[in-house]
Amino acid sequence: MWEALITAFPTLSLLAWSPPGWGANLMRGLANSIQIALGAYAVGLIIGTAGAFGKLHGGPVTRDLLAVYTTVVRAVPELVLILILYFAVTDLVNQAMVAFGYARIQISGVAAGIAVLGVVQGAYATEVIRGAILAVPAGQLEAARAMGMPPMRTAWRITLPLMLSNAIPGLANLWLIATKDTALLAIVGFAELTLQTRQAASSTKAFLTFFLAAGALYLLITLVSTLIFAIIERWARRGQRPST
């Protein structure tokens, strides 16, 4: 079947795994994209959870700082944020190292990509999780306080499990956004899927073939992710009365 497709569409031979095909390069780019998306999503969840509780239960200064953070990140285009965080923050870190008598360091592209996208994800996750927490029935929290349950245990045993089912749809969207935002790292030269696709297309001039292949890989990630999050959402809603 593959041979018949190649006969009908000769440019498909460029997707072969070994040279002169670029299949291995595309899959390495896909692996890098998934690696960064997973890391950024995890960082974003940590920031988002802390930010949501800070906005709801923190002091005035904490709430104001978090409001500035979420507003700025959501207002500024993500490409601009990536350029600022990737270059400016890296330069500030190296200037601080030099000021304290240490040598300049070379920050890993993977680590930088995860950190940059994690900061962006964290701002959106803060609002998603905050909204989900506000949707938790007040009676459940009042019952926990009436029974003398300490705040941390209330958060762990009551708030987080109940808010999870409300947060899953928004968090699923954030994961899909994270997978696509990795493409923006091509602007700083990181070898994720989009950059590998662009290099392959530029070298072979088979732009349609390679960009369709990249689109198919992104679509595959979306389909698999949608299935996984549907399973997670069913698990999170176990025991709940179905909505009518």
Protein backbone atom coordinates (compact mmCIF):
# COMPACT_ATOMS: atom_id res chain seq x y z
CA MET A 1 0.00 0.00 0.00
CA TRP A 2 2.86 2.38 0.89
CA GLU A 3 4.55 1.59 -2.43
CA ALA A 4 1.32 2.35 -4.29
CA LEU A 5 0.99 5.68 -2.49
CA ILE A 6 4.58 6.60 -3.33
CA THR A 7 3.97 5.69 -6.97
CA ALA A 8 0.91 7.94 -7.03
CA PHE A 9 2.49 10.72 -4.94
CA PRO A 10 6.30 10.61 -5.34
CA THR A 11 6.91 13.34 -2.76
CA LEU A 12 5.70 10.96 -0.02
CA SER A 13 9.08 9.22 -0.29
CA LEU A 14 10.48 12.29 1.46
CA LEU A 15 8.63 11.17 4.61
CA ALA A 16 10.63 7.93 4.79
CA TRP A 17 12.42 7.27 8.05
CA SER A 18 15.96 7.13 6.69
CA PRO A 19 17.71 9.64 4.37
CA PRO A 20 16.89 11.06 1.93
CA GLY A 21 13.58 10.91 3.81
CA TRP A 22 12.96 13.30 6.70
CA GLY A 23 10.67 11.09 8.76
CA ALA A 24 13.16 10.62 11.61
CA ASN A 25 13.69 14.37 11.86
CA LEU A 26 9.96 15.03 12.05
CA MET A 27 9.50 12.43 14.78
CA ARG A 28 12.40 13.89 16.79
CA GLY A 29 10.73 17.28 16.47
CA LEU A 30 7.42 15.75 17.60
CA ALA A 31 9.13 14.17 20.62
CA ASN A 32 10.68 17.53 21.53
CA SER A 33 7.31 19.26 21.19
CA ILE A 34 5.59 16.72 23.45
CA GLN A 35 8.43 16.89 25.99
CA ILE A 36 8.19 20.67 26.25
CA ALA A 37 4.38 20.64 26.28
CA LEU A 38 4.31 18.11 29.14
CA GLY A 39 6.87 20.06 31.17
CA ALA A 40 5.18 23.42 30.55
CA TYR A 41 1.76 21.98 31.37
CA ALA A 42 3.04 20.57 34.66
CA VAL A 43 4.68 23.88 35.57
CA GLY A 44 1.50 25.70 34.59
CA LEU A 45 -0.63 23.45 36.81
CA ILE A 46 1.64 24.09 39.80
CA ILE A 47 1.61 27.85 39.21
CA GLY A 48 -2.12 27.82 38.47
CA THR A 49 -3.06 25.91 41.61
CA ALA A 50 -0.93 28.16 43.81
CA GLY A 51 -2.18 31.25 41.99
CA ALA A 52 -5.85 30.26 42.32
CA PHE A 53 -5.59 29.69 46.07
CA GLY A 54 -3.55 32.89 46.37
CA LYS A 55 -6.22 34.91 44.58
CA LEU A 56 -8.98 33.42 46.71
CA HIS A 57 -7.33 33.24 50.13
CA GLY A 58 -4.19 35.39 49.94
CA GLY A 59 -3.65 38.83 51.39
CA PRO A 60 -4.21 42.06 49.47
CA VAL A 61 -0.62 42.24 48.20
CA THR A 62 -0.68 38.63 47.03
CA ARG A 63 -3.98 39.11 45.24
CA ASP A 64 -2.78 42.30 43.57
CA LEU A 65 0.47 40.73 42.37
CA LEU A 66 -1.37 37.71 41.00
CA ALA A 67 -3.88 39.98 39.27
CA VAL A 68 -1.02 41.85 37.57
CA TYR A 69 0.62 38.56 36.54
CA THR A 70 -2.52 37.03 35.01
CA THR A 71 -3.56 40.28 33.33
CA VAL A 72 -0.18 40.96 31.74
CA VAL A 73 0.34 37.41 30.51
CA ARG A 74 -3.15 37.19 29.02
CA ALA A 75 -2.91 40.66 27.46
CA VAL A 76 0.50 40.38 25.78
CA PRO A 77 0.76 38.14 22.68
CA GLU A 78 2.41 34.83 23.52
CA LEU A 79 5.10 35.24 20.86
CA VAL A 80 6.16 38.55 22.44
CA LEU A 81 6.21 36.96 25.89
CA ILE A 82 8.35 34.10 24.61
CA LEU A 83 10.88 36.51 23.11
CA ILE A 84 10.98 38.60 26.30
CA LEU A 85 11.27 35.67 28.67
CA TYR A 86 13.63 33.62 26.51
CA PHE A 87 16.15 36.37 25.76
CA ALA A 88 15.69 39.02 28.45
CA VAL A 89 15.40 36.64 31.41
CA THR A 90 18.34 34.56 30.19
CA ASP A 91 20.42 37.73 29.89
CA LEU A 92 19.38 38.88 33.39
CA VAL A 93 20.37 35.51 34.87
CA ASN A 94 23.79 35.69 33.23
CA GLN A 95 24.31 39.30 34.33
CA ALA A 96 23.51 38.28 37.90
CA MET A 97 25.95 35.36 37.65
CA VAL A 98 28.70 37.68 36.42
CA ALA A 99 27.92 40.26 39.13
CA PHE A 100 28.39 37.62 41.83
CA GLY A 101 31.66 36.45 40.30
CA TYR A 102 30.42 33.37 38.50
CA ALA A 103 30.83 32.44 34.86
CA ARG A 104 28.00 32.88 32.40
CA ILE A 105 25.89 29.77 31.92
CA GLN A 106 24.27 28.25 28.87
CA ILE A 107 20.63 27.55 29.69
CA SER A 108 19.21 24.38 28.13
CA GLY A 109 16.80 25.02 25.30
CA VAL A 110 14.40 22.42 26.70
CA ALA A 111 14.52 23.95 30.19
CA ALA A 112 14.06 27.46 28.81
CA GLY A 113 11.14 26.38 26.62
CA ILE A 114 9.42 24.63 29.53
CA ALA A 115 9.93 27.62 31.81
CA VAL A 116 8.70 30.16 29.27
CA LEU A 117 5.57 28.25 28.26
CA GLY A 118 5.00 27.22 31.89
CA VAL A 119 4.73 30.87 32.92
CA VAL A 120 2.22 31.48 30.13
CA GLN A 121 0.23 28.35 31.01
CA GLY A 122 0.25 29.29 34.69
CA ALA A 123 -1.65 32.55 34.10
CA TYR A 124 -4.47 30.80 32.26
CA ALA A 125 -4.51 27.83 34.64
CA THR A 126 -4.88 30.24 37.57
CA GLU A 127 -8.19 31.53 36.22
CA VAL A 128 -9.45 28.08 35.19
CA ILE A 129 -8.75 26.58 38.61
CA ARG A 130 -10.03 29.66 40.46
CA GLY A 131 -13.34 29.41 38.60
CA ALA A 132 -13.57 25.69 39.34
CA ILE A 133 -12.95 26.29 43.05
CA LEU A 134 -15.65 28.94 43.16
CA ALA A 135 -18.05 26.36 41.69
CA VAL A 136 -17.56 24.02 44.68
CA PRO A 137 -20.80 24.03 46.74
CA ALA A 138 -20.39 26.28 49.78
CA GLY A 139 -22.27 23.78 51.93
CA GLN A 140 -19.52 21.20 51.47
CA LEU A 141 -16.89 23.61 52.77
CA GLU A 142 -19.08 24.76 55.65
CA ALA A 143 -19.63 21.12 56.65
CA ALA A 144 -15.85 20.51 56.63
CA ARG A 145 -15.24 23.57 58.82
CA ALA A 146 -18.07 22.56 61.17
CA MET A 147 -16.38 19.20 61.67
CA GLY A 148 -13.12 20.94 62.60
CA MET A 149 -11.23 19.97 59.45
CA PRO A 150 -8.10 22.15 59.09
CA PRO A 151 -7.77 24.33 55.96
CA MET A 152 -5.10 22.24 54.27
CA ARG A 153 -7.03 19.03 54.76
CA THR A 154 -10.22 20.74 53.57
CA ALA A 155 -8.41 21.79 50.40
CA TRP A 156 -7.00 18.30 49.82
CA ARG A 157 -10.07 16.25 50.76
CA ILE A 158 -12.93 18.53 49.70
CA THR A 159 -11.98 21.45 47.45
CA LEU A 160 -9.57 19.78 45.02
CA PRO A 161 -11.64 16.62 44.34
CA LEU A 162 -14.87 18.58 43.87
CA MET A 163 -13.37 21.28 41.69
CA LEU A 164 -11.56 18.81 39.44
CA SER A 165 -14.61 17.84 37.41
CA ASN A 166 -15.33 21.51 36.73
CA ALA A 167 -11.71 22.26 35.84
CA ILE A 168 -11.04 19.33 33.47
CA PRO A 169 -12.62 20.88 30.31
CA GLY A 170 -10.65 24.11 30.73
CA LEU A 171 -7.44 22.28 31.61
CA ALA A 172 -7.88 20.03 28.56
CA ASN A 173 -8.03 23.14 26.38
CA LEU A 174 -4.88 24.47 28.04
CA TRP A 175 -3.05 21.23 27.24
CA LEU A 176 -4.01 21.51 23.58
CA ILE A 177 -2.87 25.13 23.61
CA ALA A 178 0.45 24.03 25.15
CA THR A 179 1.05 21.52 22.36
CA LYS A 180 0.46 24.21 19.73
CA ASP A 181 2.42 26.91 21.57
CA THR A 182 5.55 24.77 21.25
CA ALA A 183 5.51 25.82 17.58
CA LEU A 184 6.27 29.38 18.70
CA LEU A 185 9.63 28.20 20.04
CA ALA A 186 10.76 27.79 16.43
CA ILE A 187 11.32 31.56 16.45
CA VAL A 188 14.14 31.11 18.98
CA GLY A 189 15.65 28.19 17.05
CA PHE A 190 14.47 25.26 19.14
CA ALA A 191 14.20 22.07 17.08
CA GLU A 192 10.56 21.22 17.72
CA LEU A 193 8.16 19.87 15.11
CA THR A 194 7.43 23.14 13.32
CA LEU A 195 11.10 24.06 12.89
CA GLN A 196 11.98 20.56 11.69
CA THR A 197 9.08 20.73 9.23
CA ARG A 198 10.17 24.11 7.93
CA GLN A 199 13.75 22.94 7.48
CA ALA A 200 12.64 19.82 5.63
CA ALA A 201 10.28 21.78 3.40
CA SER A 202 12.91 24.41 2.63
CA SER A 203 15.49 21.78 1.71
CA THR A 204 13.21 19.74 -0.54
CA LYS A 205 10.75 22.44 -1.71
CA ALA A 206 7.94 19.97 -0.91
CA PHE A 207 6.13 22.47 1.29
CA LEU A 208 2.65 20.99 0.94
CA THR A 209 3.81 17.46 1.77
CA PHE A 210 5.67 18.38 4.94
CA PHE A 211 3.20 20.88 6.32
CA LEU A 212 0.33 18.45 5.73
CA ALA A 213 2.38 15.80 7.56
CA ALA A 214 2.98 18.19 10.47
CA GLY A 215 -0.72 19.06 10.56
CA ALA A 216 -1.58 15.35 10.67
CA LEU A 217 0.79 14.84 13.63
CA TYR A 218 -0.74 17.76 15.54
CA LEU A 219 -4.20 16.37 14.77
CA LEU A 220 -3.11 12.97 16.09
CA ILE A 221 -1.95 14.59 19.35
CA THR A 222 -5.31 16.34 19.64
CA LEU A 223 -7.34 13.17 19.06
CA VAL A 224 -5.34 11.12 21.55
CA SER A 225 -5.40 13.94 24.12
CA THR A 226 -9.17 14.36 23.75
CA LEU A 227 -9.66 10.65 24.41
CA ILE A 228 -7.41 10.72 27.48
CA PHE A 229 -9.09 13.80 28.97
CA ALA A 230 -12.54 12.27 28.35
CA ILE A 231 -11.46 9.26 30.43
CA ILE A 232 -10.08 11.55 33.15
CA GLU A 233 -13.29 13.60 33.20
CA ARG A 234 -15.44 10.48 33.56
CA TRP A 235 -13.25 9.40 36.47
CA ALA A 236 -13.48 12.86 38.08
CA ARG A 237 -17.28 12.85 37.78
CA ARG A 238 -17.74 9.37 39.22
CA GLY A 239 -20.55 9.33 41.76
CA GLN A 240 -21.95 12.66 40.57
CA ARG A 241 -25.48 13.01 39.28
CA PRO A 242 -25.39 13.48 35.49
CA SER A 243 -26.43 16.94 34.33
CA THR A 244 -29.74 17.26 32.52
